[in-house]
Amino acid sequence: MKLYLTLFSFLIIANTLTAQKKCADNQATNYNINASCQYKKTKKRFKRTTKLDEQVNETSGLFVWNNGVWTINDSGGEPALYKTSPETGKVTQIVSISNAVNIDWEELSHDDNHIYIGDMGNNRGYRKDLSIYTVKKSDINISIDSQSVIAQKLTFYYPEQKDFNHKKIHHFDCEGFFYYKNQFHLFTKNRDNAKTYHYTVPNEVGNHAAKLQDSLDVRGQITAADIQDGHVVLLGYTPGKLFMWILWDYEGEDFFTGNRRRIELGRFFWRGQMEGICFTNALNGYISAEGTPIKKQHLRRFSIEKWVRTNLK
């Protein structure tokens, strides 16, 4: 019986090894081996390109549309979308959301017809009103400087959360999400185990239980996320340092199952708290940083081309 179990276990392990995806990235230290790709420590300093207007000194989400970079302010700011010029950083249009309150707006996403605003910041873990607002792009008059629109709202909660007392350490904060295939994909910001948890919420009016999909040890706290043409970027920080994860070559919507590469972006103190990221195409985009006494709020351009080139057609 013991021999049979031993042989059975061996066959399971052998089949698992055979089924493992071979690392196909020739930049990896374990290229052409049946295992997840591993990389040497990678550093990159994306240069600041544009100082942003004082009106968006707490920029906390980004997307590009209608020849502008759109952003929002963090908690306590006006419930408004700000269109900024990528060349000058000046605010060129303000769209107020008349039926919304900015409790802790943290992230933006969009598709061809809608803009999505994530009011999901939950620093102390006590909130029971986590929300996503949807604004129709067709309601925005692109020819006027300032206007007001009405948004649709859905709410969600984390089924795993049972304690809503004020706490500094918990798993139920989120500052990064994006819209993809009729779902919102949330990436939590955790203060104890340095992991991010991937949740999904359906794009439907109502109060939804966020569905836990997976987790990844990102060795820090995630502040922003975006997706474009199969490439996912997660922005975050550890005490004193900034980083970005690139995820690609994954299966379906299992973003943590493919290649994963971490890029060290430099020291937090000198570059400001980076809370917004968005693609402009499959390989390039913008990062925004809040204003500090050392660095004013600003945009940086980023490119992931050199790290995902094995995935290019």
C-alpha atoms as a PDB file:
ATOM      1  CA  MET A   1       0.000   0.000   0.000  1.00  0.00           C
ATOM      2  CA  LYS A   2       2.825   2.414   0.919  1.00  0.00           C
ATOM      3  CA  LEU A   3       4.558   1.616  -2.387  1.00  0.00           C
ATOM      4  CA  TYR A   4       1.335   2.288  -4.279  1.00  0.00           C
ATOM      5  CA  LEU A   5       0.857   5.660  -2.564  1.00  0.00           C
ATOM      6  CA  THR A   6       4.477   6.563  -3.220  1.00  0.00           C
ATOM      7  CA  LEU A   7       4.160   5.751  -6.922  1.00  0.00           C
ATOM      8  CA  PHE A   8       0.833   7.599  -7.090  1.00  0.00           C
ATOM      9  CA  SER A   9       2.362  10.697  -5.490  1.00  0.00           C
ATOM     10  CA  PHE A  10       5.306  10.510  -7.864  1.00  0.00           C
ATOM     11  CA  LEU A  11       3.000  10.410 -10.881  1.00  0.00           C
ATOM     12  CA  ILE A  12       1.064  13.441  -9.619  1.00  0.00           C
ATOM     13  CA  ILE A  13       4.278  15.402  -9.135  1.00  0.00           C
ATOM     14  CA  ALA A  14       5.608  14.317 -12.537  1.00  0.00           C
ATOM     15  CA  ASN A  15       2.397  15.339 -14.286  1.00  0.00           C
ATOM     16  CA  THR A  16       2.417  18.693 -12.489  1.00  0.00           C
ATOM     17  CA  LEU A  17       5.983  19.356 -13.553  1.00  0.00           C
ATOM     18  CA  THR A  18       5.176  18.406 -17.127  1.00  0.00           C
ATOM     19  CA  ALA A  19       2.176  20.729 -17.147  1.00  0.00           C
ATOM     20  CA  GLN A  20       4.106  23.696 -15.803  1.00  0.00           C
ATOM     21  CA  LYS A  21       4.600  26.516 -18.229  1.00  0.00           C
ATOM     22  CA  LYS A  22       8.184  26.941 -19.354  1.00  0.00           C
ATOM     23  CA  CYS A  23       9.708  30.369 -18.796  1.00  0.00           C
ATOM     24  CA  ALA A  24       9.813  31.862 -22.302  1.00  0.00           C
ATOM     25  CA  ASP A  25      11.349  35.224 -21.405  1.00  0.00           C
ATOM     26  CA  ASN A  26      15.019  35.297 -22.353  1.00  0.00           C
ATOM     27  CA  GLN A  27      15.534  38.192 -19.946  1.00  0.00           C
ATOM     28  CA  ALA A  28      14.777  35.889 -17.017  1.00  0.00           C
ATOM     29  CA  THR A  29      17.519  34.286 -14.954  1.00  0.00           C
ATOM     30  CA  ASN A  30      15.779  30.894 -15.358  1.00  0.00           C
ATOM     31  CA  TYR A  31      14.938  31.156 -19.073  1.00  0.00           C
ATOM     32  CA  ASN A  32      13.721  27.945 -20.719  1.00  0.00           C
ATOM     33  CA  ILE A  33      13.031  26.175 -17.410  1.00  0.00           C
ATOM     34  CA  ASN A  34       9.685  24.711 -16.332  1.00  0.00           C
ATOM     35  CA  ALA A  35       8.928  27.334 -13.692  1.00  0.00           C
ATOM     36  CA  SER A  36       7.710  30.898 -13.258  1.00  0.00           C
ATOM     37  CA  CYS A  37      10.193  33.394 -14.643  1.00  0.00           C
ATOM     38  CA  GLN A  38      12.634  34.942 -12.190  1.00  0.00           C
ATOM     39  CA  TYR A  39      14.431  38.255 -12.723  1.00  0.00           C
ATOM     40  CA  LYS A  40      17.355  40.181 -11.349  1.00  0.00           C
ATOM     41  CA  LYS A  41      16.529  43.302  -9.360  1.00  0.00           C
ATOM     42  CA  THR A  42      15.450  45.958 -11.859  1.00  0.00           C
ATOM     43  CA  LYS A  43      15.633  49.710 -11.279  1.00  0.00           C
ATOM     44  CA  LYS A  44      14.212  52.505 -13.398  1.00  0.00           C
ATOM     45  CA  ARG A  45      13.790  56.231 -12.769  1.00  0.00           C
ATOM     46  CA  PHE A  46      10.997  57.563 -14.967  1.00  0.00           C
ATOM     47  CA  LYS A  47      11.577  61.278 -15.453  1.00  0.00           C
ATOM     48  CA  ARG A  48       9.103  63.916 -14.405  1.00  0.00           C
ATOM     49  CA  THR A  49       7.531  65.460 -17.501  1.00  0.00           C
ATOM     50  CA  THR A  50       4.839  67.887 -16.352  1.00  0.00           C
ATOM     51  CA  LYS A  51       4.040  69.780 -13.176  1.00  0.00           C
ATOM     52  CA  LEU A  52       0.315  69.566 -12.479  1.00  0.00           C
ATOM     53  CA  ASP A  53      -2.047  72.372 -11.545  1.00  0.00           C
ATOM     54  CA  GLU A  54      -2.506  73.176  -7.833  1.00  0.00           C
ATOM     55  CA  GLN A  55      -6.180  72.218  -8.220  1.00  0.00           C
ATOM     56  CA  VAL A  56      -5.096  68.567  -8.400  1.00  0.00           C
ATOM     57  CA  ASN A  57      -2.420  68.542  -5.711  1.00  0.00           C
ATOM     58  CA  GLU A  58      -3.785  65.204  -4.405  1.00  0.00           C
ATOM     59  CA  THR A  59      -4.066  63.498  -7.780  1.00  0.00           C
ATOM     60  CA  SER A  60      -5.191  59.936  -7.120  1.00  0.00           C
ATOM     61  CA  GLY A  61      -6.229  58.262 -10.367  1.00  0.00           C
ATOM     62  CA  LEU A  62      -5.651  58.699 -14.110  1.00  0.00           C
ATOM     63  CA  PHE A  63      -7.043  57.937 -17.539  1.00  0.00           C
ATOM     64  CA  VAL A  64      -6.459  59.468 -20.966  1.00  0.00           C
ATOM     65  CA  TRP A  65      -9.399  60.636 -23.085  1.00  0.00           C
ATOM     66  CA  ASN A  66     -10.269  63.454 -25.476  1.00  0.00           C
ATOM     67  CA  ASN A  67      -6.694  64.775 -25.741  1.00  0.00           C
ATOM     68  CA  GLY A  68      -6.303  65.152 -21.990  1.00  0.00           C
ATOM     69  CA  VAL A  69      -5.137  63.344 -18.871  1.00  0.00           C
ATOM     70  CA  TRP A  70      -8.050  63.111 -16.454  1.00  0.00           C
ATOM     71  CA  THR A  71      -7.630  62.828 -12.694  1.00  0.00           C
ATOM     72  CA  ILE A  72      -9.381  63.181  -9.335  1.00  0.00           C
ATOM     73  CA  ASN A  73      -8.346  64.382  -5.909  1.00  0.00           C
ATOM     74  CA  ASP A  74      -8.023  62.092  -2.910  1.00  0.00           C
ATOM     75  CA  SER A  75     -10.263  61.964   0.168  1.00  0.00           C
ATOM     76  CA  GLY A  76     -12.131  65.120   1.110  1.00  0.00           C
ATOM     77  CA  GLY A  77     -11.644  66.767  -2.272  1.00  0.00           C
ATOM     78  CA  GLU A  78     -14.422  68.020  -4.487  1.00  0.00           C
ATOM     79  CA  PRO A  79     -16.495  65.276  -6.176  1.00  0.00           C
ATOM     80  CA  ALA A  80     -15.144  66.217  -9.576  1.00  0.00           C
ATOM     81  CA  LEU A  81     -13.200  65.010 -12.593  1.00  0.00           C
ATOM     82  CA  TYR A  82     -10.351  67.216 -13.796  1.00  0.00           C
ATOM     83  CA  LYS A  83      -9.068  67.231 -17.355  1.00  0.00           C
ATOM     84  CA  THR A  84      -5.453  68.357 -17.527  1.00  0.00           C
ATOM     85  CA  SER A  85      -3.122  69.172 -20.380  1.00  0.00           C
ATOM     86  CA  PRO A  86      -0.277  66.626 -20.649  1.00  0.00           C
ATOM     87  CA  GLU A  87       1.934  69.411 -22.031  1.00  0.00           C
ATOM     88  CA  THR A  88       1.300  72.179 -19.469  1.00  0.00           C
ATOM     89  CA  GLY A  89      -0.352  70.351 -16.555  1.00  0.00           C
ATOM     90  CA  LYS A  90      -3.071  73.007 -16.393  1.00  0.00           C
ATOM     91  CA  VAL A  91      -6.663  72.036 -15.644  1.00  0.00           C
ATOM     92  CA  THR A  92      -8.676  72.676 -18.810  1.00  0.00           C
ATOM     93  CA  GLN A  93     -12.057  71.251 -17.783  1.00  0.00           C
ATOM     94  CA  ILE A  94     -13.873  70.396 -14.551  1.00  0.00           C
ATOM     95  CA  VAL A  95     -16.801  67.975 -14.453  1.00  0.00           C
ATOM     96  CA  SER A  96     -18.572  67.946 -11.084  1.00  0.00           C
ATOM     97  CA  ILE A  97     -20.609  64.919 -10.007  1.00  0.00           C
ATOM     98  CA  SER A  98     -23.721  66.495  -8.474  1.00  0.00           C
ATOM     99  CA  ASN A  99     -25.037  63.394  -6.681  1.00  0.00           C
ATOM    100  CA  ALA A 100     -21.695  62.165  -5.289  1.00  0.00           C
ATOM    101  CA  VAL A 101     -19.552  62.783  -2.226  1.00  0.00           C
ATOM    102  CA  ASN A 102     -15.785  62.362  -2.208  1.00  0.00           C
ATOM    103  CA  ILE A 103     -15.344  60.261   0.913  1.00  0.00           C
ATOM    104  CA  ASP A 104     -12.098  58.690  -0.269  1.00  0.00           C
ATOM    105  CA  TRP A 105     -11.827  58.694  -4.050  1.00  0.00           C
ATOM    106  CA  GLU A 106      -8.797  56.651  -5.011  1.00  0.00           C
ATOM    107  CA  GLU A 107      -8.942  55.419  -8.594  1.00  0.00           C
ATOM    108  CA  LEU A 108     -10.264  55.967 -12.114  1.00  0.00           C
ATOM    109  CA  SER A 109     -10.960  53.692 -15.051  1.00  0.00           C
ATOM    110  CA  HIS A 110     -12.917  53.986 -18.281  1.00  0.00           C
ATOM    111  CA  ASP A 111     -14.146  52.264 -21.417  1.00  0.00           C
ATOM    112  CA  ASP A 112     -15.489  53.558 -24.725  1.00  0.00           C
ATOM    113  CA  ASN A 113     -18.681  54.926 -23.181  1.00  0.00           C
ATOM    114  CA  HIS A 114     -18.179  55.375 -19.443  1.00  0.00           C
ATOM    115  CA  ILE A 115     -15.897  56.724 -16.727  1.00  0.00           C
ATOM    116  CA  TYR A 116     -15.606  54.814 -13.445  1.00  0.00           C
ATOM    117  CA  ILE A 117     -14.684  56.447 -10.137  1.00  0.00           C
ATOM    118  CA  GLY A 118     -13.624  54.289  -7.196  1.00  0.00           C
ATOM    119  CA  ASP A 119     -14.701  55.674  -3.818  1.00  0.00           C
ATOM    120  CA  MET A 120     -13.101  52.737  -2.019  1.00  0.00           C
ATOM    121  CA  GLY A 121     -10.326  54.093   0.160  1.00  0.00           C
ATOM    122  CA  ASN A 122     -10.652  52.491   3.603  1.00  0.00           C
ATOM    123  CA  ASN A 123      -7.547  53.350   5.602  1.00  0.00           C
ATOM    124  CA  ARG A 124      -8.867  52.316   9.021  1.00  0.00           C
ATOM    125  CA  GLY A 125     -11.149  49.521   7.837  1.00  0.00           C
ATOM    126  CA  TYR A 126     -14.462  50.829   9.172  1.00  0.00           C
ATOM    127  CA  ARG A 127     -16.285  51.835   5.986  1.00  0.00           C
ATOM    128  CA  LYS A 128     -19.555  50.176   4.980  1.00  0.00           C
ATOM    129  CA  ASP A 129     -20.237  52.466   2.018  1.00  0.00           C
ATOM    130  CA  LEU A 130     -17.596  51.422  -0.543  1.00  0.00           C
ATOM    131  CA  SER A 131     -18.757  52.658  -3.947  1.00  0.00           C
ATOM    132  CA  ILE A 132     -18.047  52.901  -7.646  1.00  0.00           C
ATOM    133  CA  TYR A 133     -19.603  55.792  -9.609  1.00  0.00           C
ATOM    134  CA  THR A 134     -20.292  55.527 -13.344  1.00  0.00           C
ATOM    135  CA  VAL A 135     -20.410  58.637 -15.537  1.00  0.00           C
ATOM    136  CA  LYS A 136     -21.560  58.540 -19.148  1.00  0.00           C
ATOM    137  CA  LYS A 137     -19.037  60.132 -21.469  1.00  0.00           C
ATOM    138  CA  SER A 138     -21.941  61.290 -23.637  1.00  0.00           C
ATOM    139  CA  ASP A 139     -23.106  63.491 -20.726  1.00  0.00           C
ATOM    140  CA  ILE A 140     -19.878  65.490 -20.828  1.00  0.00           C
ATOM    141  CA  ASN A 141     -19.872  68.492 -23.119  1.00  0.00           C
ATOM    142  CA  ILE A 142     -16.269  68.637 -24.277  1.00  0.00           C
ATOM    143  CA  SER A 143     -16.602  72.242 -25.486  1.00  0.00           C
ATOM    144  CA  ILE A 144     -17.217  73.909 -22.084  1.00  0.00           C
ATOM    145  CA  ASP A 145     -14.821  74.476 -19.199  1.00  0.00           C
ATOM    146  CA  SER A 146     -17.064  73.540 -16.288  1.00  0.00           C
ATOM    147  CA  GLN A 147     -20.254  71.559 -15.901  1.00  0.00           C
ATOM    148  CA  SER A 148     -22.171  69.191 -13.651  1.00  0.00           C
ATOM    149  CA  VAL A 149     -23.372  65.651 -14.391  1.00  0.00           C
ATOM    150  CA  ILE A 150     -25.190  62.869 -12.555  1.00  0.00           C
ATOM    151  CA  ALA A 151     -23.538  59.494 -11.940  1.00  0.00           C
ATOM    152  CA  GLN A 152     -24.884  56.005 -11.418  1.00  0.00           C
ATOM    153  CA  LYS A 153     -23.680  54.281  -8.273  1.00  0.00           C
ATOM    154  CA  LEU A 154     -23.061  50.718  -7.141  1.00  0.00           C
ATOM    155  CA  THR A 155     -21.813  49.602  -3.738  1.00  0.00           C
ATOM    156  CA  PHE A 156     -19.837  46.578  -2.608  1.00  0.00           C
ATOM    157  CA  TYR A 157     -18.397  44.912   0.466  1.00  0.00           C
ATOM    158  CA  TYR A 158     -15.824  42.277   1.364  1.00  0.00           C
ATOM    159  CA  PRO A 159     -17.551  39.098   2.670  1.00  0.00           C
ATOM    160  CA  GLU A 160     -14.408  38.156   4.600  1.00  0.00           C
ATOM    161  CA  GLN A 161     -14.532  41.339   6.671  1.00  0.00           C
ATOM    162  CA  LYS A 162     -16.280  40.797   9.999  1.00  0.00           C
ATOM    163  CA  ASP A 163     -14.674  43.525  12.124  1.00  0.00           C
ATOM    164  CA  PHE A 164     -15.388  47.192  11.312  1.00  0.00           C
ATOM    165  CA  ASN A 165     -13.597  48.774  14.256  1.00  0.00           C
ATOM    166  CA  HIS A 166     -10.963  51.397  13.485  1.00  0.00           C
ATOM    167  CA  LYS A 167      -7.689  49.597  12.829  1.00  0.00           C
ATOM    168  CA  LYS A 168      -4.361  50.537  11.314  1.00  0.00           C
ATOM    169  CA  ILE A 169      -3.655  46.967  10.191  1.00  0.00           C
ATOM    170  CA  HIS A 170      -6.244  45.165   8.082  1.00  0.00           C
ATOM    171  CA  HIS A 171      -6.800  43.670   4.605  1.00  0.00           C
ATOM    172  CA  PHE A 172      -9.780  45.695   3.382  1.00  0.00           C
ATOM    173  CA  ASP A 173      -8.410  48.877   1.856  1.00  0.00           C
ATOM    174  CA  CYS A 174      -8.223  49.388  -1.906  1.00  0.00           C
ATOM    175  CA  GLU A 175      -6.662  52.140  -4.025  1.00  0.00           C
ATOM    176  CA  GLY A 176      -6.158  50.317  -7.331  1.00  0.00           C
ATOM    177  CA  PHE A 177      -8.764  48.966  -9.718  1.00  0.00           C
ATOM    178  CA  PHE A 178      -9.641  48.797 -13.404  1.00  0.00           C
ATOM    179  CA  TYR A 179     -12.610  47.845 -15.545  1.00  0.00           C
ATOM    180  CA  TYR A 180     -12.159  44.770 -17.737  1.00  0.00           C
ATOM    181  CA  LYS A 181     -14.660  42.422 -19.404  1.00  0.00           C
ATOM    182  CA  ASN A 182     -17.713  43.815 -17.642  1.00  0.00           C
ATOM    183  CA  GLN A 183     -16.138  43.518 -14.201  1.00  0.00           C
ATOM    184  CA  PHE A 184     -14.196  45.736 -11.854  1.00  0.00           C
ATOM    185  CA  HIS A 185     -10.901  44.204 -10.774  1.00  0.00           C
ATOM    186  CA  LEU A 186      -9.777  45.434  -7.371  1.00  0.00           C
ATOM    187  CA  PHE A 187      -6.254  45.099  -5.937  1.00  0.00           C
ATOM    188  CA  THR A 188      -6.181  45.674  -2.198  1.00  0.00           C
ATOM    189  CA  LYS A 189      -3.695  47.653  -0.146  1.00  0.00           C
ATOM    190  CA  ASN A 190      -2.630  45.630   2.892  1.00  0.00           C
ATOM    191  CA  ARG A 191      -0.515  46.897   5.741  1.00  0.00           C
ATOM    192  CA  ASP A 192       0.527  43.711   7.490  1.00  0.00           C
ATOM    193  CA  ASN A 193       1.497  40.945   5.034  1.00  0.00           C
ATOM    194  CA  ALA A 194       2.535  43.084   2.016  1.00  0.00           C
ATOM    195  CA  LYS A 195       0.246  41.059  -0.272  1.00  0.00           C
ATOM    196  CA  THR A 196      -2.431  42.337  -2.615  1.00  0.00           C
ATOM    197  CA  TYR A 197      -5.733  40.499  -2.940  1.00  0.00           C
ATOM    198  CA  HIS A 198      -7.481  40.453  -6.312  1.00  0.00           C
ATOM    199  CA  TYR A 199     -11.261  40.864  -6.003  1.00  0.00           C
ATOM    200  CA  THR A 200     -13.921  41.265  -8.695  1.00  0.00           C
ATOM    201  CA  VAL A 201     -17.175  43.218  -8.568  1.00  0.00           C
ATOM    202  CA  PRO A 202     -19.804  43.019 -11.342  1.00  0.00           C
ATOM    203  CA  ASN A 203     -20.681  46.141 -13.280  1.00  0.00           C
ATOM    204  CA  GLU A 204     -24.302  46.185 -12.178  1.00  0.00           C
ATOM    205  CA  VAL A 205     -26.333  48.548 -10.027  1.00  0.00           C
ATOM    206  CA  GLY A 206     -26.804  47.092  -6.548  1.00  0.00           C
ATOM    207  CA  ASN A 207     -24.847  46.099  -3.463  1.00  0.00           C
ATOM    208  CA  HIS A 208     -22.368  43.343  -4.324  1.00  0.00           C
ATOM    209  CA  ALA A 209     -20.170  40.939  -2.430  1.00  0.00           C
ATOM    210  CA  ALA A 210     -16.666  41.375  -3.832  1.00  0.00           C
ATOM    211  CA  LYS A 211     -15.387  37.978  -4.963  1.00  0.00           C
ATOM    212  CA  LEU A 212     -11.870  37.001  -3.926  1.00  0.00           C
ATOM    213  CA  GLN A 213      -9.895  35.606  -6.880  1.00  0.00           C
ATOM    214  CA  ASP A 214      -6.259  35.329  -5.857  1.00  0.00           C
ATOM    215  CA  SER A 215      -3.415  36.980  -3.961  1.00  0.00           C
ATOM    216  CA  LEU A 216       0.141  37.993  -4.758  1.00  0.00           C
ATOM    217  CA  ASP A 217       3.046  38.897  -2.508  1.00  0.00           C
ATOM    218  CA  VAL A 218       3.895  42.312  -3.964  1.00  0.00           C
ATOM    219  CA  ARG A 219       6.150  43.212  -1.016  1.00  0.00           C
ATOM    220  CA  GLY A 220       4.380  46.496  -0.446  1.00  0.00           C
ATOM    221  CA  GLN A 221       1.123  48.421  -0.711  1.00  0.00           C
ATOM    222  CA  ILE A 222      -0.698  48.921  -4.023  1.00  0.00           C
ATOM    223  CA  THR A 223      -1.928  52.433  -4.875  1.00  0.00           C
ATOM    224  CA  ALA A 224      -2.996  52.176  -8.537  1.00  0.00           C
ATOM    225  CA  ALA A 225      -3.612  49.718 -11.386  1.00  0.00           C
ATOM    226  CA  ASP A 226      -4.370  49.602 -15.095  1.00  0.00           C
ATOM    227  CA  ILE A 227      -4.620  47.164 -18.001  1.00  0.00           C
ATOM    228  CA  GLN A 228      -4.021  47.481 -21.742  1.00  0.00           C
ATOM    229  CA  ASP A 229      -3.666  44.821 -24.430  1.00  0.00           C
ATOM    230  CA  GLY A 230      -2.841  42.038 -21.993  1.00  0.00           C
ATOM    231  CA  HIS A 231      -0.419  44.063 -19.888  1.00  0.00           C
ATOM    232  CA  VAL A 232      -1.284  44.866 -16.268  1.00  0.00           C
ATOM    233  CA  VAL A 233       0.605  47.389 -14.157  1.00  0.00           C
ATOM    234  CA  LEU A 234       0.348  47.736 -10.387  1.00  0.00           C
ATOM    235  CA  LEU A 235       1.862  50.787  -8.713  1.00  0.00           C
ATOM    236  CA  GLY A 236       2.815  50.865  -5.054  1.00  0.00           C
ATOM    237  CA  TYR A 237       5.261  51.632  -2.279  1.00  0.00           C
ATOM    238  CA  THR A 238       7.085  50.233   0.709  1.00  0.00           C
ATOM    239  CA  PRO A 239       8.350  52.477   3.531  1.00  0.00           C
ATOM    240  CA  GLY A 240      10.548  54.960   1.720  1.00  0.00           C
ATOM    241  CA  LYS A 241      10.524  53.341  -1.744  1.00  0.00           C
ATOM    242  CA  LEU A 242       8.304  53.120  -4.834  1.00  0.00           C
ATOM    243  CA  PHE A 243       7.756  50.205  -7.204  1.00  0.00           C
ATOM    244  CA  MET A 244       5.729  48.946 -10.160  1.00  0.00           C
ATOM    245  CA  TRP A 245       4.752  45.375 -11.021  1.00  0.00           C
ATOM    246  CA  ILE A 246       4.209  44.303 -14.638  1.00  0.00           C
ATOM    247  CA  LEU A 247       1.976  41.265 -15.215  1.00  0.00           C
ATOM    248  CA  TRP A 248       1.622  39.632 -18.623  1.00  0.00           C
ATOM    249  CA  ASP A 249       1.291  36.309 -20.430  1.00  0.00           C
ATOM    250  CA  TYR A 250      -1.365  35.149 -17.951  1.00  0.00           C
ATOM    251  CA  GLU A 251      -4.391  32.925 -18.525  1.00  0.00           C
ATOM    252  CA  GLY A 252      -7.811  34.565 -18.928  1.00  0.00           C
ATOM    253  CA  GLU A 253      -8.332  36.979 -16.031  1.00  0.00           C
ATOM    254  CA  ASP A 254      -5.957  35.148 -13.698  1.00  0.00           C
ATOM    255  CA  PHE A 255      -3.510  38.026 -13.718  1.00  0.00           C
ATOM    256  CA  PHE A 256      -1.114  36.478 -11.204  1.00  0.00           C
ATOM    257  CA  THR A 257      -0.526  33.265 -13.193  1.00  0.00           C
ATOM    258  CA  GLY A 258       1.796  34.625 -15.883  1.00  0.00           C
ATOM    259  CA  ASN A 259       5.050  36.541 -15.933  1.00  0.00           C
ATOM    260  CA  ARG A 260       5.552  38.963 -13.061  1.00  0.00           C
ATOM    261  CA  ARG A 261       8.316  41.526 -12.931  1.00  0.00           C
ATOM    262  CA  ARG A 262       8.920  44.161 -10.273  1.00  0.00           C
ATOM    263  CA  ILE A 263      10.513  47.496 -11.191  1.00  0.00           C
ATOM    264  CA  GLU A 264      12.048  49.620  -8.426  1.00  0.00           C
ATOM    265  CA  LEU A 265      11.153  53.279  -9.073  1.00  0.00           C
ATOM    266  CA  GLY A 266      13.244  55.101  -6.502  1.00  0.00           C
ATOM    267  CA  ARG A 267      12.812  56.770  -3.144  1.00  0.00           C
ATOM    268  CA  PHE A 268       9.395  57.920  -1.996  1.00  0.00           C
ATOM    269  CA  PHE A 269      10.712  61.094  -0.319  1.00  0.00           C
ATOM    270  CA  TRP A 270      12.182  62.608  -3.474  1.00  0.00           C
ATOM    271  CA  ARG A 271       9.529  61.532  -5.975  1.00  0.00           C
ATOM    272  CA  GLY A 272       6.301  61.978  -4.032  1.00  0.00           C
ATOM    273  CA  GLN A 273       3.511  59.509  -3.369  1.00  0.00           C
ATOM    274  CA  MET A 274       2.582  57.979  -6.725  1.00  0.00           C
ATOM    275  CA  GLU A 275      -1.152  57.232  -6.705  1.00  0.00           C
ATOM    276  CA  GLY A 276      -2.206  57.239 -10.360  1.00  0.00           C
ATOM    277  CA  ILE A 277      -1.211  55.143 -13.369  1.00  0.00           C
ATOM    278  CA  CYS A 278      -2.714  54.702 -16.817  1.00  0.00           C
ATOM    279  CA  PHE A 279      -1.748  53.380 -20.224  1.00  0.00           C
ATOM    280  CA  THR A 280      -1.816  55.487 -23.366  1.00  0.00           C
ATOM    281  CA  ASN A 281      -1.153  52.397 -25.496  1.00  0.00           C
ATOM    282  CA  ALA A 282      -0.002  48.822 -24.890  1.00  0.00           C
ATOM    283  CA  LEU A 283       3.488  49.820 -23.756  1.00  0.00           C
ATOM    284  CA  ASN A 284       3.450  53.420 -22.542  1.00  0.00           C
ATOM    285  CA  GLY A 285       1.549  55.648 -20.175  1.00  0.00           C
ATOM    286  CA  TYR A 286       1.533  58.140 -17.319  1.00  0.00           C
ATOM    287  CA  ILE A 287       2.159  58.018 -13.592  1.00  0.00           C
ATOM    288  CA  SER A 288       0.989  60.836 -11.310  1.00  0.00           C
ATOM    289  CA  ALA A 289       2.339  61.819  -7.894  1.00  0.00           C
ATOM    290  CA  GLU A 290       0.701  63.888  -5.183  1.00  0.00           C
ATOM    291  CA  GLY A 291       2.294  67.133  -4.124  1.00  0.00           C
ATOM    292  CA  THR A 292       4.722  67.254  -1.188  1.00  0.00           C
ATOM    293  CA  PRO A 293       6.885  70.017   0.302  1.00  0.00           C
ATOM    294  CA  ILE A 294       9.787  68.559  -1.708  1.00  0.00           C
ATOM    295  CA  LYS A 295       8.055  67.767  -5.027  1.00  0.00           C
ATOM    296  CA  LYS A 296       4.992  69.403  -6.490  1.00  0.00           C
ATOM    297  CA  GLN A 297       2.247  67.241  -7.975  1.00  0.00           C
ATOM    298  CA  HIS A 298       3.336  66.026 -11.374  1.00  0.00           C
ATOM    299  CA  LEU A 299       3.143  63.523 -14.232  1.00  0.00           C
ATOM    300  CA  ARG A 300       5.810  61.068 -15.330  1.00  0.00           C
ATOM    301  CA  ARG A 301       5.841  59.065 -18.531  1.00  0.00           C
ATOM    302  CA  PHE A 302       6.567  55.353 -18.297  1.00  0.00           C
ATOM    303  CA  SER A 303       7.350  52.612 -20.785  1.00  0.00           C
ATOM    304  CA  ILE A 304       7.377  48.832 -20.247  1.00  0.00           C
ATOM    305  CA  GLU A 305       8.583  47.942 -23.754  1.00  0.00           C
ATOM    306  CA  LYS A 306      12.046  46.712 -22.757  1.00  0.00           C
ATOM    307  CA  TRP A 307      10.587  44.250 -20.222  1.00  0.00           C
ATOM    308  CA  VAL A 308       7.728  42.685 -22.205  1.00  0.00           C
ATOM    309  CA  ARG A 309       9.329  42.514 -25.635  1.00  0.00           C
ATOM    310  CA  THR A 310       9.092  38.704 -25.731  1.00  0.00           C
ATOM    311  CA  ASN A 311       5.301  39.136 -25.683  1.00  0.00           C
ATOM    312  CA  LEU A 312       5.204  41.426 -28.716  1.00  0.00           C
ATOM    313  CA  LYS A 313       3.871  40.111 -32.029  1.00  0.00           C
END
